[in-house]
Amino acid sequence: MPEPAARRWTVQEFFAWQERQEARCERVGGVPVRPMAGARNVHDDIVVNLLAEFRTRLSGTPCLPFTGDGSIETLPGQIRRPDLGVDCGARDPNGLTAAEPRLVPGPDA
């Protein structure tokens, strides 16, 4: 007998649940998914270097870089956590997603 389909969570349910978790997750297809973890040091070095460069180059603009602790909504209700990105929207200190993500490197960047 096939297993019943997993219940799809609302974005609000997902973020309320996420606040109580140690590891960061994404919301894909309405359900929580753990993103890949444990990248090599060279990957982390690239992310740190890009973050520092973005911060410098974006100085004086309304745009700010963000890390993998931030999130973006790639499709309605689909929450992803890129390694880094640039948000040019009004920054809500208590917000959970980028207001206007402008740059989000792809997985092969």
PDB file of N, CA and C in Angstrom:
ATOM      1  N   MET A   1       0.844  -1.172   0.000  1.00  0.00           N
ATOM      2  CA  MET A   1       0.000   0.000   0.000  1.00  0.00           C
ATOM      3  C   MET A   1       0.895   1.243   0.000  1.00  0.00           C
ATOM      4  N   PRO A   2       0.604   2.221  -0.858  1.00  0.00           N
ATOM      5  CA  PRO A   2       1.447   3.426  -0.898  1.00  0.00           C
ATOM      6  C   PRO A   2       1.316   4.231   0.384  1.00  0.00           C
ATOM      7  N   GLU A   3       2.422   4.927   0.720  1.00  0.00           N
ATOM      8  CA  GLU A   3       2.415   5.773   1.912  1.00  0.00           C
ATOM      9  C   GLU A   3       1.579   7.014   1.647  1.00  0.00           C
ATOM     10  N   PRO A   4       0.908   7.529   2.671  1.00  0.00           N
ATOM     11  CA  PRO A   4       0.115   8.749   2.468  1.00  0.00           C
ATOM     12  C   PRO A   4       1.040   9.922   2.163  1.00  0.00           C
ATOM     13  N   ALA A   5       0.545  10.852   1.387  1.00  0.00           N
ATOM     14  CA  ALA A   5       1.336  12.038   1.042  1.00  0.00           C
ATOM     15  C   ALA A   5       1.585  12.868   2.302  1.00  0.00           C
ATOM     16  N   ALA A   6       2.779  13.439   2.391  1.00  0.00           N
ATOM     17  CA  ALA A   6       3.113  14.305   3.529  1.00  0.00           C
ATOM     18  C   ALA A   6       2.231  15.547   3.489  1.00  0.00           C
ATOM     19  N   ARG A   7       1.821  16.005   4.646  1.00  0.00           N
ATOM     20  CA  ARG A   7       1.010  17.216   4.730  1.00  0.00           C
ATOM     21  C   ARG A   7       1.858  18.419   4.335  1.00  0.00           C
ATOM     22  N   ARG A   8       1.313  19.262   3.503  1.00  0.00           N
ATOM     23  CA  ARG A   8       2.023  20.468   3.088  1.00  0.00           C
ATOM     24  C   ARG A   8       1.851  21.544   4.155  1.00  0.00           C
ATOM     25  N   TRP A   9       2.962  22.170   4.524  1.00  0.00           N
ATOM     26  CA  TRP A   9       2.959  23.210   5.539  1.00  0.00           C
ATOM     27  C   TRP A   9       2.789  24.577   4.877  1.00  0.00           C
ATOM     28  N   THR A  10       2.162  25.494   5.592  1.00  0.00           N
ATOM     29  CA  THR A  10       2.137  26.878   5.127  1.00  0.00           C
ATOM     30  C   THR A  10       3.521  27.478   5.408  1.00  0.00           C
ATOM     31  N   VAL A  11       3.798  28.599   4.780  1.00  0.00           N
ATOM     32  CA  VAL A  11       5.076  29.280   5.034  1.00  0.00           C
ATOM     33  C   VAL A  11       5.162  29.677   6.502  1.00  0.00           C
ATOM     34  N   GLN A  12       4.054  30.141   7.078  1.00  0.00           N
ATOM     35  CA  GLN A  12       4.046  30.547   8.488  1.00  0.00           C
ATOM     36  C   GLN A  12       4.327  29.351   9.398  1.00  0.00           C
ATOM     37  N   GLU A  13       3.721  28.202   9.111  1.00  0.00           N
ATOM     38  CA  GLU A  13       3.980  26.992   9.906  1.00  0.00           C
ATOM     39  C   GLU A  13       5.444  26.590   9.796  1.00  0.00           C
ATOM     40  N   PHE A  14       5.981  26.676   8.589  1.00  0.00           N
ATOM     41  CA  PHE A  14       7.381  26.317   8.369  1.00  0.00           C
ATOM     42  C   PHE A  14       8.308  27.199   9.204  1.00  0.00           C
ATOM     43  N   PHE A  15       8.131  28.529   9.142  1.00  0.00           N
ATOM     44  CA  PHE A  15       9.019  29.426   9.887  1.00  0.00           C
ATOM     45  C   PHE A  15       8.841  29.266  11.393  1.00  0.00           C
ATOM     46  N   ALA A  16       7.633  29.030  11.869  1.00  0.00           N
ATOM     47  CA  ALA A  16       7.414  28.799  13.305  1.00  0.00           C
ATOM     48  C   ALA A  16       8.147  27.532  13.747  1.00  0.00           C
ATOM     49  N   TRP A  17       8.084  26.484  12.949  1.00  0.00           N
ATOM     50  CA  TRP A  17       8.793  25.233  13.246  1.00  0.00           C
ATOM     51  C   TRP A  17      10.298  25.450  13.165  1.00  0.00           C
ATOM     52  N   GLN A  18      10.744  26.182  12.134  1.00  0.00           N
ATOM     53  CA  GLN A  18      12.171  26.392  11.897  1.00  0.00           C
ATOM     54  C   GLN A  18      12.849  27.087  13.070  1.00  0.00           C
ATOM     55  N   GLU A  19      12.149  27.997  13.721  1.00  0.00           N
ATOM     56  CA  GLU A  19      12.734  28.721  14.857  1.00  0.00           C
ATOM     57  C   GLU A  19      13.123  27.795  16.000  1.00  0.00           C
ATOM     58  N   ARG A  20      12.526  26.611  16.065  1.00  0.00           N
ATOM     59  CA  ARG A  20      12.817  25.670  17.152  1.00  0.00           C
ATOM     60  C   ARG A  20      13.841  24.603  16.748  1.00  0.00           C
ATOM     61  N   GLN A  21      14.390  24.693  15.547  1.00  0.00           N
ATOM     62  CA  GLN A  21      15.325  23.687  15.058  1.00  0.00           C
ATOM     63  C   GLN A  21      16.760  24.183  15.171  1.00  0.00           C
ATOM     64  N   GLU A  22      17.680  23.265  15.368  1.00  0.00           N
ATOM     65  CA  GLU A  22      19.105  23.635  15.394  1.00  0.00           C
ATOM     66  C   GLU A  22      19.628  23.872  13.986  1.00  0.00           C
ATOM     67  N   ALA A  23      19.283  22.995  13.057  1.00  0.00           N
ATOM     68  CA  ALA A  23      19.763  23.096  11.681  1.00  0.00           C
ATOM     69  C   ALA A  23      18.777  23.899  10.842  1.00  0.00           C
ATOM     70  N   ARG A  24      19.285  24.660   9.898  1.00  0.00           N
ATOM     71  CA  ARG A  24      18.455  25.410   8.985  1.00  0.00           C
ATOM     72  C   ARG A  24      17.899  24.485   7.914  1.00  0.00           C
ATOM     73  N   CYS A  25      16.659  24.705   7.533  1.00  0.00           N
ATOM     74  CA  CYS A  25      16.007  23.901   6.502  1.00  0.00           C
ATOM     75  C   CYS A  25      15.428  24.816   5.437  1.00  0.00           C
ATOM     76  N   GLU A  26      15.030  24.214   4.334  1.00  0.00           N
ATOM     77  CA  GLU A  26      14.337  24.910   3.267  1.00  0.00           C
ATOM     78  C   GLU A  26      12.923  24.354   3.184  1.00  0.00           C
ATOM     79  N   ARG A  27      12.026  25.057   2.522  1.00  0.00           N
ATOM     80  CA  ARG A  27      10.666  24.566   2.305  1.00  0.00           C
ATOM     81  C   ARG A  27      10.509  24.356   0.811  1.00  0.00           C
ATOM     82  N   VAL A  28      10.383  23.106   0.413  1.00  0.00           N
ATOM     83  CA  VAL A  28      10.278  22.746  -0.999  1.00  0.00           C
ATOM     84  C   VAL A  28       9.045  21.869  -1.176  1.00  0.00           C
ATOM     85  N   GLY A  29       8.184  22.265  -2.083  1.00  0.00           N
ATOM     86  CA  GLY A  29       6.975  21.487  -2.310  1.00  0.00           C
ATOM     87  C   GLY A  29       6.070  21.425  -1.098  1.00  0.00           C
ATOM     88  N   GLY A  30       6.173  22.431  -0.217  1.00  0.00           N
ATOM     89  CA  GLY A  30       5.314  22.491   0.951  1.00  0.00           C
ATOM     90  C   GLY A  30       5.808  21.731   2.161  1.00  0.00           C
ATOM     91  N   VAL A  31       6.981  21.099   2.071  1.00  0.00           N
ATOM     92  CA  VAL A  31       7.507  20.336   3.205  1.00  0.00           C
ATOM     93  C   VAL A  31       8.944  20.755   3.507  1.00  0.00           C
ATOM     94  N   PRO A  32       9.381  20.630   4.770  1.00  0.00           N
ATOM     95  CA  PRO A  32      10.750  20.987   5.123  1.00  0.00           C
ATOM     96  C   PRO A  32      11.756  19.998   4.523  1.00  0.00           C
ATOM     97  N   VAL A  33      12.874  20.546   4.065  1.00  0.00           N
ATOM     98  CA  VAL A  33      13.953  19.739   3.482  1.00  0.00           C
ATOM     99  C   VAL A  33      15.265  20.272   4.039  1.00  0.00           C
ATOM    100  N   ARG A  34      16.133  19.372   4.468  1.00  0.00           N
ATOM    101  CA  ARG A  34      17.456  19.805   4.936  1.00  0.00           C
ATOM    102  C   ARG A  34      18.354  20.030   3.727  1.00  0.00           C
ATOM    103  N   PRO A  35      18.930  21.237   3.608  1.00  0.00           N
ATOM    104  CA  PRO A  35      19.852  21.482   2.495  1.00  0.00           C
ATOM    105  C   PRO A  35      21.176  20.756   2.730  1.00  0.00           C
ATOM    106  N   MET A  36      21.946  20.662   1.674  1.00  0.00           N
ATOM    107  CA  MET A  36      23.257  20.038   1.785  1.00  0.00           C
ATOM    108  C   MET A  36      24.090  20.772   2.833  1.00  0.00           C
ATOM    109  N   ALA A  37      24.854  20.041   3.590  1.00  0.00           N
ATOM    110  CA  ALA A  37      25.728  20.644   4.601  1.00  0.00           C
ATOM    111  C   ALA A  37      27.097  19.989   4.521  1.00  0.00           C
ATOM    112  N   GLY A  38      28.058  20.615   5.132  1.00  0.00           N
ATOM    113  CA  GLY A  38      29.385  20.014   5.198  1.00  0.00           C
ATOM    114  C   GLY A  38      30.248  20.273   3.986  1.00  0.00           C
ATOM    115  N   ALA A  39      30.167  21.481   3.435  1.00  0.00           N
ATOM    116  CA  ALA A  39      30.991  21.808   2.277  1.00  0.00           C
ATOM    117  C   ALA A  39      32.472  21.843   2.671  1.00  0.00           C
ATOM    118  N   ARG A  40      33.307  21.676   1.697  1.00  0.00           N
ATOM    119  CA  ARG A  40      34.753  21.721   1.929  1.00  0.00           C
ATOM    120  C   ARG A  40      35.202  23.139   2.280  1.00  0.00           C
ATOM    121  N   ASN A  41      36.361  23.237   2.882  1.00  0.00           N
ATOM    122  CA  ASN A  41      36.900  24.539   3.276  1.00  0.00           C
ATOM    123  C   ASN A  41      37.018  25.489   2.092  1.00  0.00           C
ATOM    124  N   VAL A  42      37.381  24.974   0.928  1.00  0.00           N
ATOM    125  CA  VAL A  42      37.541  25.839  -0.237  1.00  0.00           C
ATOM    126  C   VAL A  42      36.210  26.515  -0.583  1.00  0.00           C
ATOM    127  N   HIS A  43      35.111  25.810  -0.421  1.00  0.00           N
ATOM    128  CA  HIS A  43      33.790  26.385  -0.666  1.00  0.00           C
ATOM    129  C   HIS A  43      33.517  27.510   0.332  1.00  0.00           C
ATOM    130  N   ASP A  44      33.792  27.264   1.588  1.00  0.00           N
ATOM    131  CA  ASP A  44      33.588  28.271   2.624  1.00  0.00           C
ATOM    132  C   ASP A  44      34.479  29.488   2.387  1.00  0.00           C
ATOM    133  N   ASP A  45      35.714  29.265   1.957  1.00  0.00           N
ATOM    134  CA  ASP A  45      36.617  30.380   1.645  1.00  0.00           C
ATOM    135  C   ASP A  45      36.032  31.265   0.547  1.00  0.00           C
ATOM    136  N   ILE A  46      35.464  30.651  -0.477  1.00  0.00           N
ATOM    137  CA  ILE A  46      34.866  31.400  -1.583  1.00  0.00           C
ATOM    138  C   ILE A  46      33.683  32.231  -1.082  1.00  0.00           C
ATOM    139  N   VAL A  47      32.828  31.629  -0.270  1.00  0.00           N
ATOM    140  CA  VAL A  47      31.666  32.344   0.264  1.00  0.00           C
ATOM    141  C   VAL A  47      32.107  33.539   1.102  1.00  0.00           C
ATOM    142  N   VAL A  48      33.078  33.353   1.970  1.00  0.00           N
ATOM    143  CA  VAL A  48      33.559  34.450   2.827  1.00  0.00           C
ATOM    144  C   VAL A  48      34.171  35.561   1.969  1.00  0.00           C
ATOM    145  N   ASN A  49      34.978  35.198   0.985  1.00  0.00           N
ATOM    146  CA  ASN A  49      35.599  36.202   0.120  1.00  0.00           C
ATOM    147  C   ASN A  49      34.549  36.991  -0.669  1.00  0.00           C
ATOM    148  N   LEU A  50      33.545  36.300  -1.203  1.00  0.00           N
ATOM    149  CA  LEU A  50      32.486  36.986  -1.941  1.00  0.00           C
ATOM    150  C   LEU A  50      31.675  37.899  -1.026  1.00  0.00           C
ATOM    151  N   LEU A  51      31.375  37.422   0.157  1.00  0.00           N
ATOM    152  CA  LEU A  51      30.615  38.223   1.118  1.00  0.00           C
ATOM    153  C   LEU A  51      31.358  39.521   1.442  1.00  0.00           C
ATOM    154  N   ALA A  52      32.664  39.424   1.684  1.00  0.00           N
ATOM    155  CA  ALA A  52      33.471  40.613   1.985  1.00  0.00           C
ATOM    156  C   ALA A  52      33.499  41.566   0.792  1.00  0.00           C
ATOM    157  N   GLU A  53      33.642  41.020  -0.407  1.00  0.00           N
ATOM    158  CA  GLU A  53      33.675  41.853  -1.617  1.00  0.00           C
ATOM    159  C   GLU A  53      32.324  42.527  -1.848  1.00  0.00           C
ATOM    160  N   PHE A  54      31.243  41.790  -1.688  1.00  0.00           N
ATOM    161  CA  PHE A  54      29.911  42.380  -1.853  1.00  0.00           C
ATOM    162  C   PHE A  54      29.695  43.510  -0.854  1.00  0.00           C
ATOM    163  N   ARG A  55      30.069  43.288   0.378  1.00  0.00           N
ATOM    164  CA  ARG A  55      29.884  44.303   1.425  1.00  0.00           C
ATOM    165  C   ARG A  55      30.609  45.593   1.043  1.00  0.00           C
ATOM    166  N   THR A  56      31.834  45.461   0.558  1.00  0.00           N
ATOM    167  CA  THR A  56      32.627  46.621   0.159  1.00  0.00           C
ATOM    168  C   THR A  56      31.993  47.327  -1.037  1.00  0.00           C
ATOM    169  N   ARG A  57      31.670  46.578  -2.068  1.00  0.00           N
ATOM    170  CA  ARG A  57      31.140  47.183  -3.299  1.00  0.00           C
ATOM    171  C   ARG A  57      29.733  47.755  -3.135  1.00  0.00           C
ATOM    172  N   LEU A  58      28.972  47.240  -2.195  1.00  0.00           N
ATOM    173  CA  LEU A  58      27.598  47.709  -2.000  1.00  0.00           C
ATOM    174  C   LEU A  58      27.507  48.879  -1.020  1.00  0.00           C
ATOM    175  N   SER A  59      28.640  49.254  -0.444  1.00  0.00           N
ATOM    176  CA  SER A  59      28.655  50.369   0.504  1.00  0.00           C
ATOM    177  C   SER A  59      28.062  51.617  -0.153  1.00  0.00           C
ATOM    178  N   GLY A  60      27.158  52.289   0.550  1.00  0.00           N
ATOM    179  CA  GLY A  60      26.539  53.492   0.013  1.00  0.00           C
ATOM    180  C   GLY A  60      25.315  53.225  -0.849  1.00  0.00           C
ATOM    181  N   THR A  61      24.937  51.984  -1.007  1.00  0.00           N
ATOM    182  CA  THR A  61      23.731  51.634  -1.762  1.00  0.00           C
ATOM    183  C   THR A  61      22.701  51.072  -0.780  1.00  0.00           C
ATOM    184  N   PRO A  62      21.475  50.935  -1.222  1.00  0.00           N
ATOM    185  CA  PRO A  62      20.474  50.333  -0.330  1.00  0.00           C
ATOM    186  C   PRO A  62      20.599  48.807  -0.241  1.00  0.00           C
ATOM    187  N   CYS A  63      21.506  48.230  -0.983  1.00  0.00           N
ATOM    188  CA  CYS A  63      21.651  46.778  -1.033  1.00  0.00           C
ATOM    189  C   CYS A  63      22.610  46.262   0.043  1.00  0.00           C
ATOM    190  N   LEU A  64      22.284  45.083   0.577  1.00  0.00           N
ATOM    191  CA  LEU A  64      23.125  44.442   1.590  1.00  0.00           C
ATOM    192  C   LEU A  64      23.308  42.970   1.244  1.00  0.00           C
ATOM    193  N   PRO A  65      24.512  42.435   1.497  1.00  0.00           N
ATOM    194  CA  PRO A  65      24.686  40.996   1.303  1.00  0.00           C
ATOM    195  C   PRO A  65      24.054  40.239   2.475  1.00  0.00           C
ATOM    196  N   PHE A  66      23.679  38.995   2.229  1.00  0.00           N
ATOM    197  CA  PHE A  66      23.181  38.142   3.308  1.00  0.00           C
ATOM    198  C   PHE A  66      23.786  36.757   3.165  1.00  0.00           C
ATOM    199  N   THR A  67      23.760  36.017   4.265  1.00  0.00           N
ATOM    200  CA  THR A  67      24.381  34.688   4.316  1.00  0.00           C
ATOM    201  C   THR A  67      23.328  33.584   4.243  1.00  0.00           C
ATOM    202  N   GLY A  68      23.770  32.358   4.368  1.00  0.00           N
ATOM    203  CA  GLY A  68      22.898  31.195   4.346  1.00  0.00           C
ATOM    204  C   GLY A  68      21.917  31.141   5.501  1.00  0.00           C
ATOM    205  N   ASP A  69      22.063  32.014   6.502  1.00  0.00           N
ATOM    206  CA  ASP A  69      21.059  32.095   7.562  1.00  0.00           C
ATOM    207  C   ASP A  69      19.823  32.844   7.074  1.00  0.00           C
ATOM    208  N   GLY A  70      19.981  33.633   6.014  1.00  0.00           N
ATOM    209  CA  GLY A  70      18.849  34.320   5.407  1.00  0.00           C
ATOM    210  C   GLY A  70      18.150  33.380   4.440  1.00  0.00           C
ATOM    211  N   SER A  71      17.025  33.819   3.914  1.00  0.00           N
ATOM    212  CA  SER A  71      16.307  32.966   2.971  1.00  0.00           C
ATOM    213  C   SER A  71      15.658  33.817   1.892  1.00  0.00           C
ATOM    214  N   ILE A  72      15.305  33.146   0.802  1.00  0.00           N
ATOM    215  CA  ILE A  72      14.603  33.791  -0.298  1.00  0.00           C
ATOM    216  C   ILE A  72      13.411  32.920  -0.675  1.00  0.00           C
ATOM    217  N   GLU A  73      12.418  33.553  -1.260  1.00  0.00           N
ATOM    218  CA  GLU A  73      11.261  32.814  -1.759  1.00  0.00           C
ATOM    219  C   GLU A  73      11.441  32.710  -3.272  1.00  0.00           C
ATOM    220  N   THR A  74      11.819  31.520  -3.764  1.00  0.00           N
ATOM    221  CA  THR A  74      12.122  31.351  -5.189  1.00  0.00           C
ATOM    222  C   THR A  74      10.873  31.181  -6.032  1.00  0.00           C
ATOM    223  N   LEU A  75       9.867  30.565  -5.487  1.00  0.00           N
ATOM    224  CA  LEU A  75       8.542  30.432  -6.081  1.00  0.00           C
ATOM    225  C   LEU A  75       7.563  30.731  -4.954  1.00  0.00           C
ATOM    226  N   PRO A  76       6.305  31.003  -5.247  1.00  0.00           N
ATOM    227  CA  PRO A  76       5.375  31.253  -4.139  1.00  0.00           C
ATOM    228  C   PRO A  76       5.404  30.112  -3.118  1.00  0.00           C
ATOM    229  N   GLY A  77       5.810  30.457  -1.893  1.00  0.00           N
ATOM    230  CA  GLY A  77       5.840  29.481  -0.809  1.00  0.00           C
ATOM    231  C   GLY A  77       7.046  28.565  -0.782  1.00  0.00           C
ATOM    232  N   GLN A  78       7.960  28.692  -1.735  1.00  0.00           N
ATOM    233  CA  GLN A  78       9.162  27.848  -1.741  1.00  0.00           C
ATOM    234  C   GLN A  78      10.314  28.649  -1.139  1.00  0.00           C
ATOM    235  N   ILE A  79      10.821  28.202  -0.003  1.00  0.00           N
ATOM    236  CA  ILE A  79      11.859  28.914   0.739  1.00  0.00           C
ATOM    237  C   ILE A  79      13.194  28.217   0.545  1.00  0.00           C
ATOM    238  N   ARG A  80      14.178  28.955   0.072  1.00  0.00           N
ATOM    239  CA  ARG A  80      15.530  28.425  -0.135  1.00  0.00           C
ATOM    240  C   ARG A  80      16.529  29.245   0.660  1.00  0.00           C
ATOM    241  N   ARG A  81      17.667  28.626   0.950  1.00  0.00           N
ATOM    242  CA  ARG A  81      18.732  29.284   1.713  1.00  0.00           C
ATOM    243  C   ARG A  81      20.041  29.199   0.925  1.00  0.00           C
ATOM    244  N   PRO A  82      20.287  30.191   0.050  1.00  0.00           N
ATOM    245  CA  PRO A  82      21.548  30.178  -0.693  1.00  0.00           C
ATOM    246  C   PRO A  82      22.720  30.474   0.242  1.00  0.00           C
ATOM    247  N   ASP A  83      23.908  30.114  -0.168  1.00  0.00           N
ATOM    248  CA  ASP A  83      25.094  30.391   0.650  1.00  0.00           C
ATOM    249  C   ASP A  83      25.247  31.876   0.924  1.00  0.00           C
ATOM    250  N   LEU A  84      24.914  32.699  -0.056  1.00  0.00           N
ATOM    251  CA  LEU A  84      24.952  34.142   0.101  1.00  0.00           C
ATOM    252  C   LEU A  84      24.103  34.761  -0.986  1.00  0.00           C
ATOM    253  N   GLY A  85      23.774  36.018  -0.803  1.00  0.00           N
ATOM    254  CA  GLY A  85      22.986  36.730  -1.798  1.00  0.00           C
ATOM    255  C   GLY A  85      23.028  38.212  -1.503  1.00  0.00           C
ATOM    256  N   VAL A  86      22.319  38.983  -2.324  1.00  0.00           N
ATOM    257  CA  VAL A  86      22.232  40.429  -2.161  1.00  0.00           C
ATOM    258  C   VAL A  86      20.751  40.800  -2.138  1.00  0.00           C
ATOM    259  N   ASP A  87      20.371  41.559  -1.114  1.00  0.00           N
ATOM    260  CA  ASP A  87      18.991  42.019  -0.953  1.00  0.00           C
ATOM    261  C   ASP A  87      18.982  43.532  -1.087  1.00  0.00           C
ATOM    262  N   CYS A  88      18.184  44.048  -2.025  1.00  0.00           N
ATOM    263  CA  CYS A  88      18.103  45.492  -2.238  1.00  0.00           C
ATOM    264  C   CYS A  88      16.789  46.081  -1.751  1.00  0.00           C
ATOM    265  N   GLY A  89      16.023  45.324  -0.999  1.00  0.00           N
ATOM    266  CA  GLY A  89      14.749  45.807  -0.486  1.00  0.00           C
ATOM    267  C   GLY A  89      14.884  46.429   0.892  1.00  0.00           C
ATOM    268  N   ALA A  90      13.772  46.940   1.377  1.00  0.00           N
ATOM    269  CA  ALA A  90      13.739  47.510   2.726  1.00  0.00           C
ATOM    270  C   ALA A  90      13.974  46.389   3.727  1.00  0.00           C
ATOM    271  N   ARG A  91      14.977  46.527   4.541  1.00  0.00           N
ATOM    272  CA  ARG A  91      15.400  45.477   5.467  1.00  0.00           C
ATOM    273  C   ARG A  91      14.573  45.508   6.742  1.00  0.00           C
ATOM    274  N   ASP A  92      13.821  44.444   6.989  1.00  0.00           N
ATOM    275  CA  ASP A  92      13.055  44.298   8.224  1.00  0.00           C
ATOM    276  C   ASP A  92      13.931  43.523   9.198  1.00  0.00           C
ATOM    277  N   PRO A  93      14.350  44.134  10.320  1.00  0.00           N
ATOM    278  CA  PRO A  93      15.231  43.439  11.259  1.00  0.00           C
ATOM    279  C   PRO A  93      14.649  42.116  11.770  1.00  0.00           C
ATOM    280  N   ASN A  94      13.337  41.987  11.776  1.00  0.00           N
ATOM    281  CA  ASN A  94      12.697  40.762  12.237  1.00  0.00           C
ATOM    282  C   ASN A  94      12.186  39.901  11.085  1.00  0.00           C
ATOM    283  N   GLY A  95      12.484  40.313   9.863  1.00  0.00           N
ATOM    284  CA  GLY A  95      12.034  39.565   8.689  1.00  0.00           C
ATOM    285  C   GLY A  95      12.737  38.224   8.574  1.00  0.00           C
ATOM    286  N   LEU A  96      12.158  37.344   7.786  1.00  0.00           N
ATOM    287  CA  LEU A  96      12.724  36.003   7.614  1.00  0.00           C
ATOM    288  C   LEU A  96      13.153  35.715   6.185  1.00  0.00           C
ATOM    289  N   THR A  97      12.757  36.588   5.245  1.00  0.00           N
ATOM    290  CA  THR A  97      13.171  36.409   3.855  1.00  0.00           C
ATOM    291  C   THR A  97      13.681  37.732   3.300  1.00  0.00           C
ATOM    292  N   ALA A  98      14.495  37.652   2.260  1.00  0.00           N
ATOM    293  CA  ALA A  98      14.984  38.855   1.589  1.00  0.00           C
ATOM    294  C   ALA A  98      13.800  39.572   0.952  1.00  0.00           C
ATOM    295  N   ALA A  99      13.752  40.885   1.109  1.00  0.00           N
ATOM    296  CA  ALA A  99      12.649  41.672   0.559  1.00  0.00           C
ATOM    297  C   ALA A  99      12.729  41.756  -0.962  1.00  0.00           C
ATOM    298  N   GLU A 100      13.922  42.044  -1.483  1.00  0.00           N
ATOM    299  CA  GLU A 100      14.152  42.145  -2.925  1.00  0.00           C
ATOM    300  C   GLU A 100      15.481  41.501  -3.273  1.00  0.00           C
ATOM    301  N   PRO A 101      15.532  40.171  -3.322  1.00  0.00           N
ATOM    302  CA  PRO A 101      16.806  39.535  -3.670  1.00  0.00           C
ATOM    303  C   PRO A 101      17.197  39.903  -5.111  1.00  0.00           C
ATOM    304  N   ARG A 102      18.429  40.358  -5.276  1.00  0.00           N
ATOM    305  CA  ARG A 102      18.912  40.780  -6.592  1.00  0.00           C
ATOM    306  C   ARG A 102      20.000  39.865  -7.132  1.00  0.00           C
ATOM    307  N   LEU A 103      20.753  39.246  -6.252  1.00  0.00           N
ATOM    308  CA  LEU A 103      21.833  38.381  -6.696  1.00  0.00           C
ATOM    309  C   LEU A 103      21.855  37.157  -5.790  1.00  0.00           C
ATOM    310  N   VAL A 104      21.704  36.025  -6.403  1.00  0.00           N
ATOM    311  CA  VAL A 104      21.774  34.752  -5.672  1.00  0.00           C
ATOM    312  C   VAL A 104      22.551  33.798  -6.555  1.00  0.00           C
ATOM    313  N   PRO A 105      23.835  33.534  -6.234  1.00  0.00           N
ATOM    314  CA  PRO A 105      24.627  32.639  -7.066  1.00  0.00           C
ATOM    315  C   PRO A 105      23.986  31.249  -7.130  1.00  0.00           C
ATOM    316  N   GLY A 106      24.084  30.618  -8.281  1.00  0.00           N
ATOM    317  CA  GLY A 106      23.560  29.276  -8.468  1.00  0.00           C
ATOM    318  C   GLY A 106      24.424  28.237  -7.771  1.00  0.00           C
ATOM    319  N   PRO A 107      23.976  26.984  -7.738  1.00  0.00           N
ATOM    320  CA  PRO A 107      24.700  25.937  -7.003  1.00  0.00           C
ATOM    321  C   PRO A 107      26.080  25.638  -7.578  1.00  0.00           C
ATOM    322  N   ASP A 108      26.333  25.998  -8.838  1.00  0.00           N
ATOM    323  CA  ASP A 108      27.641  25.718  -9.428  1.00  0.00           C
ATOM    324  C   ASP A 108      28.540  26.940  -9.454  1.00  0.00           C
ATOM    325  N   ALA A 109      28.090  28.024  -8.816  1.00  0.00           N
ATOM    326  CA  ALA A 109      28.877  29.273  -8.832  1.00  0.00           C
ATOM    327  C   ALA A 109      30.138  29.117  -7.999  1.00  0.00           C
TER     328      ALA A 109
END
